[in-house]
Amino acid sequence: MAHNLKAYQKNIGFTLIELLVVMVILGITSSLVAPDMFAIVKRSQAKTELEKIKAIAALSIERSFFSSSKIAIKFSENKVTFSQNDNAVVPSNKTLKTIESSFFTFADTDIVIINGQWQGNEAVKITKSPENKLQEFVLIDMSRSLLGKVNASEVGNIETNNSNTENVDSLIESNEVDL
């Protein structure tokens, strides 16, 4: 009976060689899959960055409309700056948001939104992008608008009250919602 117990204990488990072979196989397969995963993550981050710029541009149309002001969007190298110029007696230029891109370099472009009316190009040329696949970034589709102008009423269903201006202001300026 003791003989059978020793034979049973000897056959339990894996040998060191078997474990090493499994670890080598896992290492080889993970080295083949890992580079693709990093590329997917990088593409996703770049897409998110462009969507963030597009969302803030749409919010800027609303903000300009509700505050009856002028908002300038300036693309310069890897920075996008959103600034507001109030239509007051003494105009003040206030920077709303600056986004520094880690994936894209933009051609110098200035876009202005006056009282909710988009003035300027609908797209921005991209001089450097991941894998150099993207040459142009369309901020807004002007083919949907009348006379090539896009105003706040086309961005979404908007009720004209003071709370909308406050909501747009808080979204653009807050650090909690980093669009």
C-alpha atoms as a PDB file:
ATOM      1  CA  MET A   1       0.000   0.000   0.000  1.00  0.00           C
ATOM      2  CA  ALA A   2       2.860   2.372   0.719  1.00  0.00           C
ATOM      3  CA  HIS A   3       4.240   1.526  -2.703  1.00  0.00           C
ATOM      4  CA  ASN A   4       1.038   2.671  -4.452  1.00  0.00           C
ATOM      5  CA  LEU A   5       0.973   5.935  -2.471  1.00  0.00           C
ATOM      6  CA  LYS A   6       4.548   6.818  -3.570  1.00  0.00           C
ATOM      7  CA  ALA A   7       3.724   6.086  -7.206  1.00  0.00           C
ATOM      8  CA  TYR A   8       0.627   8.272  -6.974  1.00  0.00           C
ATOM      9  CA  GLN A   9       2.528  11.192  -5.375  1.00  0.00           C
ATOM     10  CA  LYS A  10       5.252  11.022  -8.004  1.00  0.00           C
ATOM     11  CA  ASN A  11       2.786  11.532 -10.901  1.00  0.00           C
ATOM     12  CA  ILE A  12       1.066  14.612  -9.401  1.00  0.00           C
ATOM     13  CA  GLY A  13       1.949  18.036 -10.906  1.00  0.00           C
ATOM     14  CA  PHE A  14       4.054  19.278 -13.783  1.00  0.00           C
ATOM     15  CA  THR A  15       7.761  18.973 -14.340  1.00  0.00           C
ATOM     16  CA  LEU A  16      10.002  21.986 -14.563  1.00  0.00           C
ATOM     17  CA  ILE A  17      10.556  21.384 -18.279  1.00  0.00           C
ATOM     18  CA  GLU A  18       6.816  21.375 -18.967  1.00  0.00           C
ATOM     19  CA  LEU A  19       6.379  24.681 -17.121  1.00  0.00           C
ATOM     20  CA  LEU A  20       9.290  26.267 -18.997  1.00  0.00           C
ATOM     21  CA  VAL A  21       7.881  25.178 -22.373  1.00  0.00           C
ATOM     22  CA  VAL A  22       4.480  26.704 -21.541  1.00  0.00           C
ATOM     23  CA  MET A  23       6.122  29.966 -20.410  1.00  0.00           C
ATOM     24  CA  VAL A  24       8.175  30.188 -23.638  1.00  0.00           C
ATOM     25  CA  ILE A  25       5.042  29.633 -25.738  1.00  0.00           C
ATOM     26  CA  LEU A  26       3.181  32.350 -23.786  1.00  0.00           C
ATOM     27  CA  GLY A  27       6.127  34.745 -24.171  1.00  0.00           C
ATOM     28  CA  ILE A  28       6.312  34.249 -27.924  1.00  0.00           C
ATOM     29  CA  THR A  29       2.572  34.751 -28.464  1.00  0.00           C
ATOM     30  CA  SER A  30       2.466  37.855 -26.254  1.00  0.00           C
ATOM     31  CA  SER A  31       5.426  39.365 -28.131  1.00  0.00           C
ATOM     32  CA  LEU A  32       3.481  38.945 -31.367  1.00  0.00           C
ATOM     33  CA  VAL A  33       0.268  40.477 -30.004  1.00  0.00           C
ATOM     34  CA  ALA A  34       1.654  43.326 -27.848  1.00  0.00           C
ATOM     35  CA  PRO A  35       2.858  45.681 -30.622  1.00  0.00           C
ATOM     36  CA  ASP A  36      -0.596  45.594 -32.243  1.00  0.00           C
ATOM     37  CA  MET A  37      -2.212  46.431 -28.918  1.00  0.00           C
ATOM     38  CA  PHE A  38      -0.022  49.507 -28.450  1.00  0.00           C
ATOM     39  CA  ALA A  39      -0.887  50.731 -31.954  1.00  0.00           C
ATOM     40  CA  ILE A  40      -4.605  50.306 -31.244  1.00  0.00           C
ATOM     41  CA  VAL A  41      -4.315  52.272 -27.991  1.00  0.00           C
ATOM     42  CA  LYS A  42      -2.370  55.064 -29.737  1.00  0.00           C
ATOM     43  CA  ARG A  43      -4.965  55.327 -32.536  1.00  0.00           C
ATOM     44  CA  SER A  44      -7.756  55.435 -29.975  1.00  0.00           C
ATOM     45  CA  GLN A  45      -6.060  58.238 -28.022  1.00  0.00           C
ATOM     46  CA  ALA A  46      -5.500  60.253 -31.216  1.00  0.00           C
ATOM     47  CA  LYS A  47      -9.146  59.842 -32.233  1.00  0.00           C
ATOM     48  CA  THR A  48     -10.279  60.929 -28.762  1.00  0.00           C
ATOM     49  CA  GLU A  49      -8.098  64.036 -29.011  1.00  0.00           C
ATOM     50  CA  LEU A  50      -9.704  65.073 -32.316  1.00  0.00           C
ATOM     51  CA  GLU A  51     -13.199  64.387 -30.967  1.00  0.00           C
ATOM     52  CA  LYS A  52     -12.403  66.589 -27.962  1.00  0.00           C
ATOM     53  CA  ILE A  53     -11.433  69.490 -30.258  1.00  0.00           C
ATOM     54  CA  LYS A  54     -14.567  68.959 -32.350  1.00  0.00           C
ATOM     55  CA  ALA A  55     -16.803  68.920 -29.247  1.00  0.00           C
ATOM     56  CA  ILE A  56     -15.314  72.129 -27.877  1.00  0.00           C
ATOM     57  CA  ALA A  57     -15.778  73.789 -31.289  1.00  0.00           C
ATOM     58  CA  ALA A  58     -19.481  72.841 -31.209  1.00  0.00           C
ATOM     59  CA  LEU A  59     -19.792  74.167 -27.657  1.00  0.00           C
ATOM     60  CA  SER A  60     -18.061  77.356 -28.776  1.00  0.00           C
ATOM     61  CA  ILE A  61     -20.804  77.966 -31.346  1.00  0.00           C
ATOM     62  CA  GLU A  62     -23.398  77.711 -28.588  1.00  0.00           C
ATOM     63  CA  ARG A  63     -21.397  79.900 -26.228  1.00  0.00           C
ATOM     64  CA  SER A  64     -20.933  82.558 -28.905  1.00  0.00           C
ATOM     65  CA  PHE A  65     -24.638  82.502 -29.724  1.00  0.00           C
ATOM     66  CA  PHE A  66     -25.882  82.752 -26.141  1.00  0.00           C
ATOM     67  CA  SER A  67     -23.336  85.352 -25.003  1.00  0.00           C
ATOM     68  CA  SER A  68     -23.499  87.395 -28.258  1.00  0.00           C
ATOM     69  CA  SER A  69     -19.744  87.364 -28.474  1.00  0.00           C
ATOM     70  CA  LYS A  70     -16.896  86.442 -30.767  1.00  0.00           C
ATOM     71  CA  ILE A  71     -14.939  83.244 -30.201  1.00  0.00           C
ATOM     72  CA  ALA A  72     -11.635  82.661 -31.957  1.00  0.00           C
ATOM     73  CA  ILE A  73     -10.210  79.191 -32.568  1.00  0.00           C
ATOM     74  CA  LYS A  74      -6.503  79.280 -33.362  1.00  0.00           C
ATOM     75  CA  PHE A  75      -4.609  76.243 -34.609  1.00  0.00           C
ATOM     76  CA  SER A  76      -0.851  76.668 -34.318  1.00  0.00           C
ATOM     77  CA  GLU A  77       1.576  73.743 -34.547  1.00  0.00           C
ATOM     78  CA  ASN A  78       0.420  71.320 -31.840  1.00  0.00           C
ATOM     79  CA  LYS A  79      -1.807  73.799 -29.932  1.00  0.00           C
ATOM     80  CA  VAL A  80      -5.461  74.687 -30.312  1.00  0.00           C
ATOM     81  CA  THR A  81      -6.594  77.796 -28.435  1.00  0.00           C
ATOM     82  CA  PHE A  82     -10.201  78.812 -27.878  1.00  0.00           C
ATOM     83  CA  SER A  83     -10.611  82.427 -26.787  1.00  0.00           C
ATOM     84  CA  GLN A  84     -13.596  84.725 -26.323  1.00  0.00           C
ATOM     85  CA  ASN A  85     -13.827  88.431 -27.112  1.00  0.00           C
ATOM     86  CA  ASP A  86     -16.846  90.106 -25.523  1.00  0.00           C
ATOM     87  CA  ASN A  87     -18.706  92.774 -27.446  1.00  0.00           C
ATOM     88  CA  ALA A  88     -18.301  95.270 -24.633  1.00  0.00           C
ATOM     89  CA  VAL A  89     -17.149  98.892 -24.659  1.00  0.00           C
ATOM     90  CA  VAL A  90     -13.728  97.693 -23.532  1.00  0.00           C
ATOM     91  CA  PRO A  91     -13.257  94.372 -25.308  1.00  0.00           C
ATOM     92  CA  SER A  92     -11.640  91.661 -23.245  1.00  0.00           C
ATOM     93  CA  ASN A  93      -9.905  88.658 -24.738  1.00  0.00           C
ATOM     94  CA  LYS A  94     -10.332  85.644 -22.473  1.00  0.00           C
ATOM     95  CA  THR A  95      -8.674  82.280 -23.184  1.00  0.00           C
ATOM     96  CA  LEU A  96     -11.297  79.591 -22.635  1.00  0.00           C
ATOM     97  CA  LYS A  97      -9.277  76.476 -23.341  1.00  0.00           C
ATOM     98  CA  THR A  98      -5.903  75.483 -24.739  1.00  0.00           C
ATOM     99  CA  ILE A  99      -5.349  71.955 -25.957  1.00  0.00           C
ATOM    100  CA  GLU A 100      -1.833  70.736 -26.588  1.00  0.00           C
ATOM    101  CA  SER A 101      -1.815  67.805 -28.973  1.00  0.00           C
ATOM    102  CA  SER A 102       0.634  64.993 -28.491  1.00  0.00           C
ATOM    103  CA  PHE A 103      -0.316  63.303 -31.776  1.00  0.00           C
ATOM    104  CA  PHE A 104      -0.960  66.038 -34.353  1.00  0.00           C
ATOM    105  CA  THR A 105       0.672  69.140 -35.805  1.00  0.00           C
ATOM    106  CA  PHE A 106      -1.760  71.571 -37.421  1.00  0.00           C
ATOM    107  CA  ALA A 107      -1.210  74.175 -40.130  1.00  0.00           C
ATOM    108  CA  ASP A 108      -1.658  77.713 -38.808  1.00  0.00           C
ATOM    109  CA  THR A 109      -5.395  78.390 -39.092  1.00  0.00           C
ATOM    110  CA  ASP A 110      -7.689  80.995 -37.541  1.00  0.00           C
ATOM    111  CA  ILE A 111     -11.431  80.428 -37.283  1.00  0.00           C
ATOM    112  CA  VAL A 112     -13.900  82.934 -35.840  1.00  0.00           C
ATOM    113  CA  ILE A 113     -17.421  82.396 -34.524  1.00  0.00           C
ATOM    114  CA  ILE A 114     -19.432  85.618 -34.268  1.00  0.00           C
ATOM    115  CA  ASN A 115     -22.797  85.508 -32.471  1.00  0.00           C
ATOM    116  CA  GLY A 116     -23.104  81.790 -33.209  1.00  0.00           C
ATOM    117  CA  GLN A 117     -22.152  82.152 -36.900  1.00  0.00           C
ATOM    118  CA  TRP A 118     -19.170  80.092 -38.075  1.00  0.00           C
ATOM    119  CA  GLN A 119     -16.760  82.232 -40.115  1.00  0.00           C
ATOM    120  CA  GLY A 120     -13.825  80.585 -41.866  1.00  0.00           C
ATOM    121  CA  ASN A 121     -12.700  77.151 -42.896  1.00  0.00           C
ATOM    122  CA  GLU A 122     -14.665  74.076 -41.959  1.00  0.00           C
ATOM    123  CA  ALA A 123     -11.496  71.970 -41.964  1.00  0.00           C
ATOM    124  CA  VAL A 124      -7.935  72.327 -40.721  1.00  0.00           C
ATOM    125  CA  LYS A 125      -4.911  70.909 -42.528  1.00  0.00           C
ATOM    126  CA  ILE A 126      -2.822  68.481 -40.523  1.00  0.00           C
ATOM    127  CA  THR A 127       0.899  68.512 -41.232  1.00  0.00           C
ATOM    128  CA  LYS A 128       1.793  65.594 -38.958  1.00  0.00           C
ATOM    129  CA  SER A 129      -0.400  62.763 -37.740  1.00  0.00           C
ATOM    130  CA  PRO A 130       0.133  59.222 -36.467  1.00  0.00           C
ATOM    131  CA  GLU A 131       1.344  57.133 -39.399  1.00  0.00           C
ATOM    132  CA  ASN A 132       0.814  60.321 -41.536  1.00  0.00           C
ATOM    133  CA  LYS A 133      -2.573  59.019 -42.670  1.00  0.00           C
ATOM    134  CA  LEU A 134      -4.712  62.043 -41.788  1.00  0.00           C
ATOM    135  CA  GLN A 135      -4.211  65.147 -43.935  1.00  0.00           C
ATOM    136  CA  GLU A 136      -7.271  67.202 -42.936  1.00  0.00           C
ATOM    137  CA  PHE A 137      -9.534  67.474 -39.911  1.00  0.00           C
ATOM    138  CA  VAL A 138     -13.140  68.530 -40.535  1.00  0.00           C
ATOM    139  CA  LEU A 139     -14.464  70.499 -37.576  1.00  0.00           C
ATOM    140  CA  ILE A 140     -17.957  71.131 -38.861  1.00  0.00           C
ATOM    141  CA  ASP A 141     -20.015  70.078 -41.879  1.00  0.00           C
ATOM    142  CA  MET A 142     -21.012  73.278 -43.683  1.00  0.00           C
ATOM    143  CA  SER A 143     -22.896  71.435 -46.432  1.00  0.00           C
ATOM    144  CA  ARG A 144     -25.798  71.075 -43.986  1.00  0.00           C
ATOM    145  CA  SER A 145     -26.054  74.800 -43.376  1.00  0.00           C
ATOM    146  CA  LEU A 146     -27.559  77.683 -45.315  1.00  0.00           C
ATOM    147  CA  LEU A 147     -25.132  79.995 -47.123  1.00  0.00           C
ATOM    148  CA  GLY A 148     -22.131  78.200 -45.667  1.00  0.00           C
ATOM    149  CA  LYS A 149     -22.864  79.413 -42.146  1.00  0.00           C
ATOM    150  CA  VAL A 150     -23.496  77.186 -39.180  1.00  0.00           C
ATOM    151  CA  ASN A 151     -25.268  78.628 -36.218  1.00  0.00           C
ATOM    152  CA  ALA A 152     -26.103  77.418 -32.745  1.00  0.00           C
ATOM    153  CA  SER A 153     -29.606  76.217 -33.654  1.00  0.00           C
ATOM    154  CA  GLU A 154     -28.076  73.571 -35.948  1.00  0.00           C
ATOM    155  CA  VAL A 155     -25.829  72.134 -33.256  1.00  0.00           C
ATOM    156  CA  GLY A 156     -28.671  70.614 -31.263  1.00  0.00           C
ATOM    157  CA  ASN A 157     -32.001  71.271 -29.637  1.00  0.00           C
ATOM    158  CA  ILE A 158     -31.405  74.448 -27.669  1.00  0.00           C
ATOM    159  CA  GLU A 159     -33.725  76.309 -25.370  1.00  0.00           C
ATOM    160  CA  THR A 160     -32.893  79.982 -25.127  1.00  0.00           C
ATOM    161  CA  ASN A 161     -32.502  80.679 -21.436  1.00  0.00           C
ATOM    162  CA  ASN A 162     -29.689  81.750 -19.144  1.00  0.00           C
ATOM    163  CA  SER A 163     -29.041  78.247 -17.797  1.00  0.00           C
ATOM    164  CA  ASN A 164     -27.762  77.091 -21.222  1.00  0.00           C
ATOM    165  CA  THR A 165     -25.085  79.789 -21.218  1.00  0.00           C
ATOM    166  CA  GLU A 166     -24.065  78.763 -17.722  1.00  0.00           C
ATOM    167  CA  ASN A 167     -23.954  75.069 -18.725  1.00  0.00           C
ATOM    168  CA  VAL A 168     -21.778  75.781 -21.766  1.00  0.00           C
ATOM    169  CA  ASP A 169     -19.527  78.051 -19.691  1.00  0.00           C
ATOM    170  CA  SER A 170     -19.108  75.434 -16.990  1.00  0.00           C
ATOM    171  CA  LEU A 171     -18.392  72.647 -19.496  1.00  0.00           C
ATOM    172  CA  ILE A 172     -15.704  74.607 -21.292  1.00  0.00           C
ATOM    173  CA  GLU A 173     -14.070  76.076 -18.213  1.00  0.00           C
ATOM    174  CA  SER A 174     -14.317  73.186 -15.745  1.00  0.00           C
ATOM    175  CA  ASN A 175     -11.485  70.837 -15.120  1.00  0.00           C
ATOM    176  CA  GLU A 176     -13.864  68.075 -14.098  1.00  0.00           C
ATOM    177  CA  VAL A 177     -15.237  67.620 -17.614  1.00  0.00           C
ATOM    178  CA  ASP A 178     -12.125  67.933 -19.759  1.00  0.00           C
ATOM    179  CA  LEU A 179     -13.482  68.060 -23.282  1.00  0.00           C
END
